[in-house]
Amino acid sequence: MFNSVNNPFNRAIESSTSSDSGKKQKEQQQEKKEKKFLEQEEPDEVRIGGRPILTEDEIRYMVRDYISKIKHEHENEPKVIEKADKFLEKFDIKKFMKRNPNLTAPDFYMVMYSETEHITR
């Protein structure tokens, strides 16, 4: 009955005699689905790539490795090496893990960068 000439905007044309009960029912079902979706609990934290959380031993090893890389990069700067050694002496793994719970490897490197930034200055 209607074609693109009679209906240039390709909109659904409804007869004024048709009932809207089916349309209302579909809208209500859609609203229920959206409400259920919004009510579902989702974790607020997103772990990068779903990587595993680091253990205390892994963090301890990674801190030593990170500091040794800083010392190697600045081997001709005794002040930087001294600051790095001091940082390593004062480093408390328990406090670090309490301040930064559930660290993954990428998270660890971001935190370590911010905590050791002062060493190279």
C-alpha atoms as a PDB file:
ATOM      1  CA  MET A   1       0.000   0.000   0.000  1.00  0.00           C
ATOM      2  CA  PHE A   2       2.746   2.471   0.951  1.00  0.00           C
ATOM      3  CA  ASN A   3       6.049   2.538  -0.840  1.00  0.00           C
ATOM      4  CA  SER A   4       9.094   4.805  -0.874  1.00  0.00           C
ATOM      5  CA  VAL A   5       7.292   7.349  -3.034  1.00  0.00           C
ATOM      6  CA  ASN A   6       4.359   7.626  -0.642  1.00  0.00           C
ATOM      7  CA  ASN A   7       6.609   7.210   2.432  1.00  0.00           C
ATOM      8  CA  PRO A   8       9.893   9.019   1.649  1.00  0.00           C
ATOM      9  CA  PHE A   9      11.263   8.794   5.217  1.00  0.00           C
ATOM     10  CA  ASN A  10      10.801   5.011   5.549  1.00  0.00           C
ATOM     11  CA  ARG A  11       8.963   5.376   8.836  1.00  0.00           C
ATOM     12  CA  ALA A  12       6.519   2.811  10.073  1.00  0.00           C
ATOM     13  CA  ILE A  13       3.010   3.923   9.270  1.00  0.00           C
ATOM     14  CA  GLU A  14       0.428   2.688  11.672  1.00  0.00           C
ATOM     15  CA  SER A  15      -3.259   2.613  11.171  1.00  0.00           C
ATOM     16  CA  SER A  16      -5.267   4.700  13.598  1.00  0.00           C
ATOM     17  CA  THR A  17      -7.504   1.699  14.193  1.00  0.00           C
ATOM     18  CA  SER A  18      -4.718  -0.569  15.489  1.00  0.00           C
ATOM     19  CA  SER A  19      -4.374  -1.000  19.237  1.00  0.00           C
ATOM     20  CA  ASP A  20      -1.307   0.206  21.115  1.00  0.00           C
ATOM     21  CA  SER A  21      -1.435  -2.553  23.741  1.00  0.00           C
ATOM     22  CA  GLY A  22       1.222  -4.659  21.968  1.00  0.00           C
ATOM     23  CA  LYS A  23       3.534  -1.684  21.627  1.00  0.00           C
ATOM     24  CA  LYS A  24       3.112  -0.720  25.279  1.00  0.00           C
ATOM     25  CA  GLN A  25       3.785  -4.279  26.367  1.00  0.00           C
ATOM     26  CA  LYS A  26       7.032  -4.371  24.384  1.00  0.00           C
ATOM     27  CA  GLU A  27       8.117  -1.058  25.908  1.00  0.00           C
ATOM     28  CA  GLN A  28       7.395  -2.352  29.417  1.00  0.00           C
ATOM     29  CA  GLN A  29       9.403  -5.513  28.762  1.00  0.00           C
ATOM     30  CA  GLN A  30      12.299  -3.424  27.458  1.00  0.00           C
ATOM     31  CA  GLU A  31      12.165  -1.206  30.560  1.00  0.00           C
ATOM     32  CA  LYS A  32      12.196  -4.290  32.814  1.00  0.00           C
ATOM     33  CA  LYS A  33      15.262  -5.645  30.993  1.00  0.00           C
ATOM     34  CA  GLU A  34      17.077  -2.320  31.342  1.00  0.00           C
ATOM     35  CA  LYS A  35      16.158  -2.095  35.025  1.00  0.00           C
ATOM     36  CA  LYS A  36      17.506  -5.619  35.675  1.00  0.00           C
ATOM     37  CA  PHE A  37      20.697  -4.770  33.816  1.00  0.00           C
ATOM     38  CA  LEU A  38      21.238  -1.623  35.879  1.00  0.00           C
ATOM     39  CA  GLU A  39      20.541  -3.442  39.149  1.00  0.00           C
ATOM     40  CA  GLN A  40      23.163  -6.119  38.523  1.00  0.00           C
ATOM     41  CA  GLU A  41      26.230  -5.776  40.709  1.00  0.00           C
ATOM     42  CA  GLU A  42      29.390  -5.021  38.809  1.00  0.00           C
ATOM     43  CA  PRO A  43      32.838  -4.552  40.298  1.00  0.00           C
ATOM     44  CA  ASP A  44      34.008  -0.953  40.351  1.00  0.00           C
ATOM     45  CA  GLU A  45      37.635  -1.892  39.804  1.00  0.00           C
ATOM     46  CA  VAL A  46      38.886  -3.022  36.472  1.00  0.00           C
ATOM     47  CA  ARG A  47      42.015  -5.093  36.367  1.00  0.00           C
ATOM     48  CA  ILE A  48      44.087  -4.547  33.287  1.00  0.00           C
ATOM     49  CA  GLY A  49      43.827  -7.566  31.024  1.00  0.00           C
ATOM     50  CA  GLY A  50      42.475  -9.717  33.850  1.00  0.00           C
ATOM     51  CA  ARG A  51      45.984 -10.341  35.122  1.00  0.00           C
ATOM     52  CA  PRO A  52      46.524 -12.111  38.446  1.00  0.00           C
ATOM     53  CA  ILE A  53      47.059 -10.179  41.657  1.00  0.00           C
ATOM     54  CA  LEU A  54      50.691 -10.082  42.785  1.00  0.00           C
ATOM     55  CA  THR A  55      51.829 -11.874  45.929  1.00  0.00           C
ATOM     56  CA  GLU A  56      54.100 -10.416  48.590  1.00  0.00           C
ATOM     57  CA  ASP A  57      57.135 -12.308  47.279  1.00  0.00           C
ATOM     58  CA  GLU A  58      56.486 -11.186  43.720  1.00  0.00           C
ATOM     59  CA  ILE A  59      56.194  -7.564  44.792  1.00  0.00           C
ATOM     60  CA  ARG A  60      59.371  -7.790  46.868  1.00  0.00           C
ATOM     61  CA  TYR A  61      61.253  -9.216  43.866  1.00  0.00           C
ATOM     62  CA  MET A  62      59.800  -6.623  41.490  1.00  0.00           C
ATOM     63  CA  VAL A  63      60.746  -3.733  43.805  1.00  0.00           C
ATOM     64  CA  ARG A  64      64.357  -4.919  43.987  1.00  0.00           C
ATOM     65  CA  ASP A  65      64.424  -5.366  40.217  1.00  0.00           C
ATOM     66  CA  TYR A  66      62.877  -1.924  39.633  1.00  0.00           C
ATOM     67  CA  ILE A  67      65.422  -0.213  41.925  1.00  0.00           C
ATOM     68  CA  SER A  68      68.318  -2.103  40.350  1.00  0.00           C
ATOM     69  CA  LYS A  69      67.220  -0.866  36.909  1.00  0.00           C
ATOM     70  CA  ILE A  70      67.156   2.709  38.201  1.00  0.00           C
ATOM     71  CA  LYS A  71      70.643   2.253  39.635  1.00  0.00           C
ATOM     72  CA  HIS A  72      71.878   0.752  36.364  1.00  0.00           C
ATOM     73  CA  GLU A  73      70.423   3.595  34.287  1.00  0.00           C
ATOM     74  CA  HIS A  74      72.073   6.183  36.537  1.00  0.00           C
ATOM     75  CA  GLU A  75      75.323   4.373  37.339  1.00  0.00           C
ATOM     76  CA  ASN A  76      77.375   7.553  36.825  1.00  0.00           C
ATOM     77  CA  GLU A  77      75.258   9.527  39.316  1.00  0.00           C
ATOM     78  CA  PRO A  78      76.189   8.655  42.917  1.00  0.00           C
ATOM     79  CA  LYS A  79      73.349  10.733  44.402  1.00  0.00           C
ATOM     80  CA  VAL A  80      70.734   8.735  42.507  1.00  0.00           C
ATOM     81  CA  ILE A  81      72.305   5.434  43.558  1.00  0.00           C
ATOM     82  CA  GLU A  82      72.399   6.626  47.167  1.00  0.00           C
ATOM     83  CA  LYS A  83      68.711   7.646  47.061  1.00  0.00           C
ATOM     84  CA  ALA A  84      67.782   4.301  45.474  1.00  0.00           C
ATOM     85  CA  ASP A  85      69.614   2.371  48.182  1.00  0.00           C
ATOM     86  CA  LYS A  86      67.925   4.471  50.862  1.00  0.00           C
ATOM     87  CA  PHE A  87      64.521   3.811  49.300  1.00  0.00           C
ATOM     88  CA  LEU A  88      65.199   0.079  49.282  1.00  0.00           C
ATOM     89  CA  GLU A  89      66.301   0.141  52.946  1.00  0.00           C
ATOM     90  CA  LYS A  90      63.166   1.986  54.047  1.00  0.00           C
ATOM     91  CA  PHE A  91      60.782   0.018  51.847  1.00  0.00           C
ATOM     92  CA  ASP A  92      58.127  -1.769  53.913  1.00  0.00           C
ATOM     93  CA  ILE A  93      56.293  -4.429  51.928  1.00  0.00           C
ATOM     94  CA  LYS A  94      53.380  -4.612  54.391  1.00  0.00           C
ATOM     95  CA  LYS A  95      52.663  -0.870  54.231  1.00  0.00           C
ATOM     96  CA  PHE A  96      53.066  -0.880  50.462  1.00  0.00           C
ATOM     97  CA  MET A  97      50.546  -3.694  50.031  1.00  0.00           C
ATOM     98  CA  LYS A  98      48.138  -2.078  52.474  1.00  0.00           C
ATOM     99  CA  ARG A  99      48.249   1.225  50.584  1.00  0.00           C
ATOM    100  CA  ASN A 100      47.972  -0.533  47.214  1.00  0.00           C
ATOM    101  CA  PRO A 101      45.792  -3.642  47.540  1.00  0.00           C
ATOM    102  CA  ASN A 102      45.190  -6.098  44.703  1.00  0.00           C
ATOM    103  CA  LEU A 103      48.027  -4.944  42.478  1.00  0.00           C
ATOM    104  CA  THR A 104      48.559  -6.470  39.080  1.00  0.00           C
ATOM    105  CA  ALA A 105      51.894  -6.105  37.275  1.00  0.00           C
ATOM    106  CA  PRO A 106      50.900  -3.012  35.217  1.00  0.00           C
ATOM    107  CA  ASP A 107      49.421  -1.402  38.348  1.00  0.00           C
ATOM    108  CA  PHE A 108      52.656  -2.104  40.203  1.00  0.00           C
ATOM    109  CA  TYR A 109      54.761  -0.271  37.629  1.00  0.00           C
ATOM    110  CA  MET A 110      52.463   2.754  37.695  1.00  0.00           C
ATOM    111  CA  VAL A 111      52.650   2.940  41.498  1.00  0.00           C
ATOM    112  CA  MET A 112      56.410   2.402  41.580  1.00  0.00           C
ATOM    113  CA  TYR A 113      56.979   5.122  39.028  1.00  0.00           C
ATOM    114  CA  SER A 114      55.093   7.634  41.137  1.00  0.00           C
ATOM    115  CA  GLU A 115      56.817   6.526  44.359  1.00  0.00           C
ATOM    116  CA  THR A 116      60.359   6.548  42.951  1.00  0.00           C
ATOM    117  CA  GLU A 117      60.073   9.599  40.739  1.00  0.00           C
ATOM    118  CA  HIS A 118      61.933  11.715  43.326  1.00  0.00           C
ATOM    119  CA  ILE A 119      64.977   9.432  43.197  1.00  0.00           C
ATOM    120  CA  THR A 120      66.089  10.502  39.729  1.00  0.00           C
ATOM    121  CA  ARG A 121      65.716  14.231  40.374  1.00  0.00           C
END
